[in-house]
Amino acid sequence: MMLWILLAVLAVLVLWVIAAYNSLISLKNQVLNGWKQIDVQLKRRHDLIPNLIETVKGVMKFEQSTLTQVIEARNKAISAQGIAEKAAQENMLSGALRQLFALVENYPNLKANENVTKLQEELVSTENRIGFSRQFYNDIATKFNIAQQVFPTNIIVGIFSFKAAELFEITEPSEREVPKVDLNLE
């Protein structure tokens, strides 16, 4: 009788280990999928930038340093490795693009150029997609990290050497600043 109880407890324990392991693998794959979704949107942005630069380059002769900044930021973002470095470089690229868009506003013929307008709209749309993809990634990565930290699943994590997922974070202090809005009509 004692042998049957011991076998039943052992069977329940084995089933629990299998279920916990499979749950962690499922979450790990969802995290990888989330990262790939971000990567797809980043590639889209990286592909659009050269077209925008080519379109505005001739008109913005006096703004070559800004164009160079955008190109350099894009190249650094493409070559970045790991989530933390990728996030930092992508934030730098976003800042360079914001600066470029602000300068385009100073050129009426660029503002009126249909190609520039379309490229800007595509980039803004892509920025929104990147934001949503990062949010999804951070949500699922947090869920994966929590699952690894709770007892008794953390025992399985230790046995099978699961690693915590990195999160996208704001690395630029200027990104944390609250925008100043002046609605004064004077």
Protein backbone atom coordinates (compact mmCIF):
# COMPACT_ATOMS: atom_id res chain seq x y z
CA MET A 1 0.00 0.00 0.00
CA MET A 2 2.80 2.40 0.91
CA LEU A 3 4.46 1.65 -2.42
CA TRP A 4 1.31 2.71 -4.31
CA ILE A 5 1.12 5.99 -2.38
CA LEU A 6 4.79 6.66 -3.08
CA LEU A 7 4.30 5.90 -6.78
CA ALA A 8 1.23 8.17 -6.92
CA VAL A 9 3.14 11.04 -5.28
CA LEU A 10 6.06 10.47 -7.64
CA ALA A 11 3.72 10.42 -10.66
CA VAL A 12 2.08 13.70 -9.56
CA LEU A 13 5.52 15.24 -9.05
CA VAL A 14 6.70 14.15 -12.51
CA LEU A 15 3.51 15.48 -14.12
CA TRP A 16 3.95 18.79 -12.29
CA VAL A 17 7.60 19.09 -13.48
CA ILE A 18 6.51 18.40 -17.06
CA ALA A 19 3.68 20.94 -16.87
CA ALA A 20 5.90 23.61 -15.31
CA TYR A 21 8.67 23.01 -17.86
CA ASN A 22 6.23 23.16 -20.78
CA SER A 23 4.70 26.35 -19.42
CA LEU A 24 8.13 28.00 -19.19
CA ILE A 25 9.03 26.86 -22.71
CA SER A 26 5.74 28.29 -23.99
CA LEU A 27 6.43 31.65 -22.34
CA LYS A 28 10.02 31.65 -23.58
CA ASN A 29 8.81 31.13 -27.15
CA GLN A 30 6.25 33.91 -26.76
CA VAL A 31 9.07 36.23 -25.63
CA LEU A 32 11.09 35.24 -28.71
CA ASN A 33 8.07 35.88 -30.89
CA GLY A 34 7.60 39.28 -29.27
CA TRP A 35 11.23 40.16 -30.02
CA LYS A 36 10.85 39.03 -33.64
CA GLN A 37 7.80 41.28 -34.01
CA ILE A 38 9.89 44.23 -32.83
CA ASP A 39 12.70 43.20 -35.17
CA VAL A 40 10.34 43.16 -38.17
CA GLN A 41 9.18 46.71 -37.41
CA LEU A 42 12.74 47.92 -36.84
CA LYS A 43 13.77 46.49 -40.22
CA ARG A 44 10.84 48.30 -41.81
CA ARG A 45 12.00 51.56 -40.23
CA HIS A 46 15.62 50.94 -41.26
CA ASP A 47 14.48 50.34 -44.85
CA LEU A 48 12.39 53.54 -44.99
CA ILE A 49 15.11 55.86 -43.69
CA PRO A 50 17.43 55.77 -46.75
CA ASN A 51 14.46 56.66 -48.99
CA LEU A 52 13.60 59.63 -46.77
CA ILE A 53 17.23 60.80 -46.68
CA GLU A 54 17.49 60.52 -50.47
CA THR A 55 14.28 62.50 -50.92
CA VAL A 56 15.23 65.40 -48.65
CA LYS A 57 18.99 65.45 -49.25
CA GLY A 58 18.97 67.78 -52.25
CA VAL A 59 16.73 70.38 -50.66
CA MET A 60 18.35 70.31 -47.21
CA LYS A 61 21.86 71.19 -48.38
CA PHE A 62 22.55 73.24 -45.25
CA GLU A 63 21.37 70.48 -42.91
CA GLN A 64 23.91 67.81 -43.86
CA SER A 65 24.95 67.27 -40.23
CA THR A 66 21.40 66.26 -39.34
CA LEU A 67 21.20 63.88 -42.29
CA THR A 68 24.56 62.42 -41.31
CA GLN A 69 23.32 61.95 -37.72
CA VAL A 70 20.29 60.04 -38.95
CA ILE A 71 22.40 57.80 -41.18
CA GLU A 72 24.94 57.14 -38.41
CA ALA A 73 22.18 56.44 -35.88
CA ARG A 74 20.54 54.03 -38.33
CA ASN A 75 23.82 52.18 -38.93
CA LYS A 76 24.48 51.88 -35.19
CA ALA A 77 20.93 50.62 -34.62
CA ILE A 78 21.31 47.99 -37.33
CA SER A 79 24.58 46.70 -35.89
CA ALA A 80 23.46 46.74 -32.22
CA GLN A 81 23.48 43.40 -30.44
CA GLY A 82 21.27 42.38 -27.54
CA ILE A 83 18.07 43.95 -26.35
CA ALA A 84 19.62 46.62 -24.09
CA GLU A 85 22.04 47.88 -26.75
CA LYS A 86 19.39 47.64 -29.46
CA ALA A 87 16.96 49.67 -27.33
CA ALA A 88 19.57 52.36 -26.64
CA GLN A 89 20.55 52.68 -30.29
CA GLU A 90 16.95 52.68 -31.48
CA ASN A 91 16.18 55.48 -29.01
CA MET A 92 19.08 57.48 -30.47
CA LEU A 93 17.69 56.85 -33.96
CA SER A 94 14.24 58.03 -32.85
CA GLY A 95 15.76 61.24 -31.55
CA ALA A 96 17.65 61.83 -34.80
CA LEU A 97 14.44 61.25 -36.78
CA ARG A 98 12.52 63.70 -34.59
CA GLN A 99 15.21 66.29 -35.26
CA LEU A 100 14.98 65.61 -39.01
CA PHE A 101 11.18 65.92 -38.98
CA ALA A 102 11.44 69.22 -37.11
CA LEU A 103 13.84 70.55 -39.74
CA VAL A 104 11.58 69.42 -42.59
CA GLU A 105 8.95 71.77 -41.14
CA ASN A 106 11.30 74.70 -41.98
CA TYR A 107 11.28 73.84 -45.69
CA PRO A 108 7.91 74.61 -47.31
CA ASN A 109 8.81 72.81 -50.54
CA LEU A 110 9.63 69.65 -48.53
CA LYS A 111 6.42 69.91 -46.52
CA ALA A 112 4.54 70.09 -49.82
CA ASN A 113 6.49 67.20 -51.38
CA GLU A 114 4.20 64.18 -51.64
CA ASN A 115 7.04 61.65 -51.33
CA VAL A 116 8.35 63.27 -48.14
CA THR A 117 4.85 63.35 -46.68
CA LYS A 118 4.26 59.68 -47.51
CA LEU A 119 7.61 58.64 -46.07
CA GLN A 120 6.98 60.63 -42.89
CA GLU A 121 3.55 59.02 -42.52
CA GLU A 122 5.07 55.57 -43.06
CA LEU A 123 7.75 56.25 -40.45
CA VAL A 124 5.22 57.58 -37.94
CA SER A 125 3.05 54.52 -38.53
CA THR A 126 6.09 52.29 -38.09
CA GLU A 127 7.05 54.11 -34.87
CA ASN A 128 3.56 53.34 -33.53
CA ARG A 129 3.92 49.69 -34.49
CA ILE A 130 7.31 49.55 -32.78
CA GLY A 131 5.75 51.03 -29.65
CA PHE A 132 2.97 48.45 -29.62
CA SER A 133 5.43 45.63 -30.32
CA ARG A 134 7.67 46.78 -27.46
CA GLN A 135 4.69 46.91 -25.13
CA PHE A 136 3.65 43.37 -26.10
CA TYR A 137 7.23 42.16 -25.69
CA ASN A 138 7.61 43.77 -22.27
CA ASP A 139 4.27 42.35 -21.14
CA ILE A 140 5.11 38.78 -22.14
CA ALA A 141 8.73 39.07 -20.95
CA THR A 142 7.47 40.24 -17.54
CA LYS A 143 5.04 37.32 -17.40
CA PHE A 144 7.92 34.95 -18.27
CA ASN A 145 10.18 36.52 -15.63
CA ILE A 146 7.48 36.30 -12.94
CA ALA A 147 6.84 32.65 -13.80
CA GLN A 148 10.55 31.98 -13.27
CA GLN A 149 10.63 33.70 -9.89
CA VAL A 150 7.62 32.15 -8.15
CA PHE A 151 7.87 29.09 -5.96
CA PRO A 152 7.95 26.19 -6.76
CA THR A 153 8.53 26.89 -10.48
CA ASN A 154 11.83 28.57 -9.61
CA ILE A 155 13.15 25.09 -8.78
CA ILE A 156 12.49 24.00 -12.38
CA VAL A 157 14.20 27.21 -13.59
CA GLY A 158 17.29 26.31 -11.58
CA ILE A 159 17.36 22.74 -12.85
CA PHE A 160 16.95 23.68 -16.52
CA SER A 161 18.90 27.00 -16.41
CA PHE A 162 16.24 29.34 -17.78
CA LYS A 163 17.36 32.97 -18.09
CA ALA A 164 15.29 36.07 -17.37
CA ALA A 165 14.21 38.10 -20.40
CA GLU A 166 15.53 41.63 -20.78
CA LEU A 167 12.97 44.42 -20.96
CA PHE A 168 12.94 47.49 -23.17
CA GLU A 169 13.54 50.49 -20.95
CA ILE A 170 13.98 54.20 -21.43
CA THR A 171 17.72 54.82 -21.38
CA GLU A 172 17.76 58.48 -22.33
CA PRO A 173 16.97 60.83 -19.41
CA SER A 174 15.45 63.32 -21.88
CA GLU A 175 12.82 60.71 -22.79
CA ARG A 176 11.49 60.88 -19.22
CA GLU A 177 10.96 64.63 -19.31
CA VAL A 178 7.39 65.83 -19.43
CA PRO A 179 6.72 67.83 -22.64
CA LYS A 180 6.03 71.50 -22.10
CA VAL A 181 2.78 72.62 -23.65
CA ASP A 182 1.89 76.28 -23.99
CA LEU A 183 -1.73 76.86 -24.94
CA ASN A 184 -1.44 80.58 -24.43
CA LEU A 185 -2.93 82.30 -27.49
CA GLU A 186 -1.16 85.61 -26.95
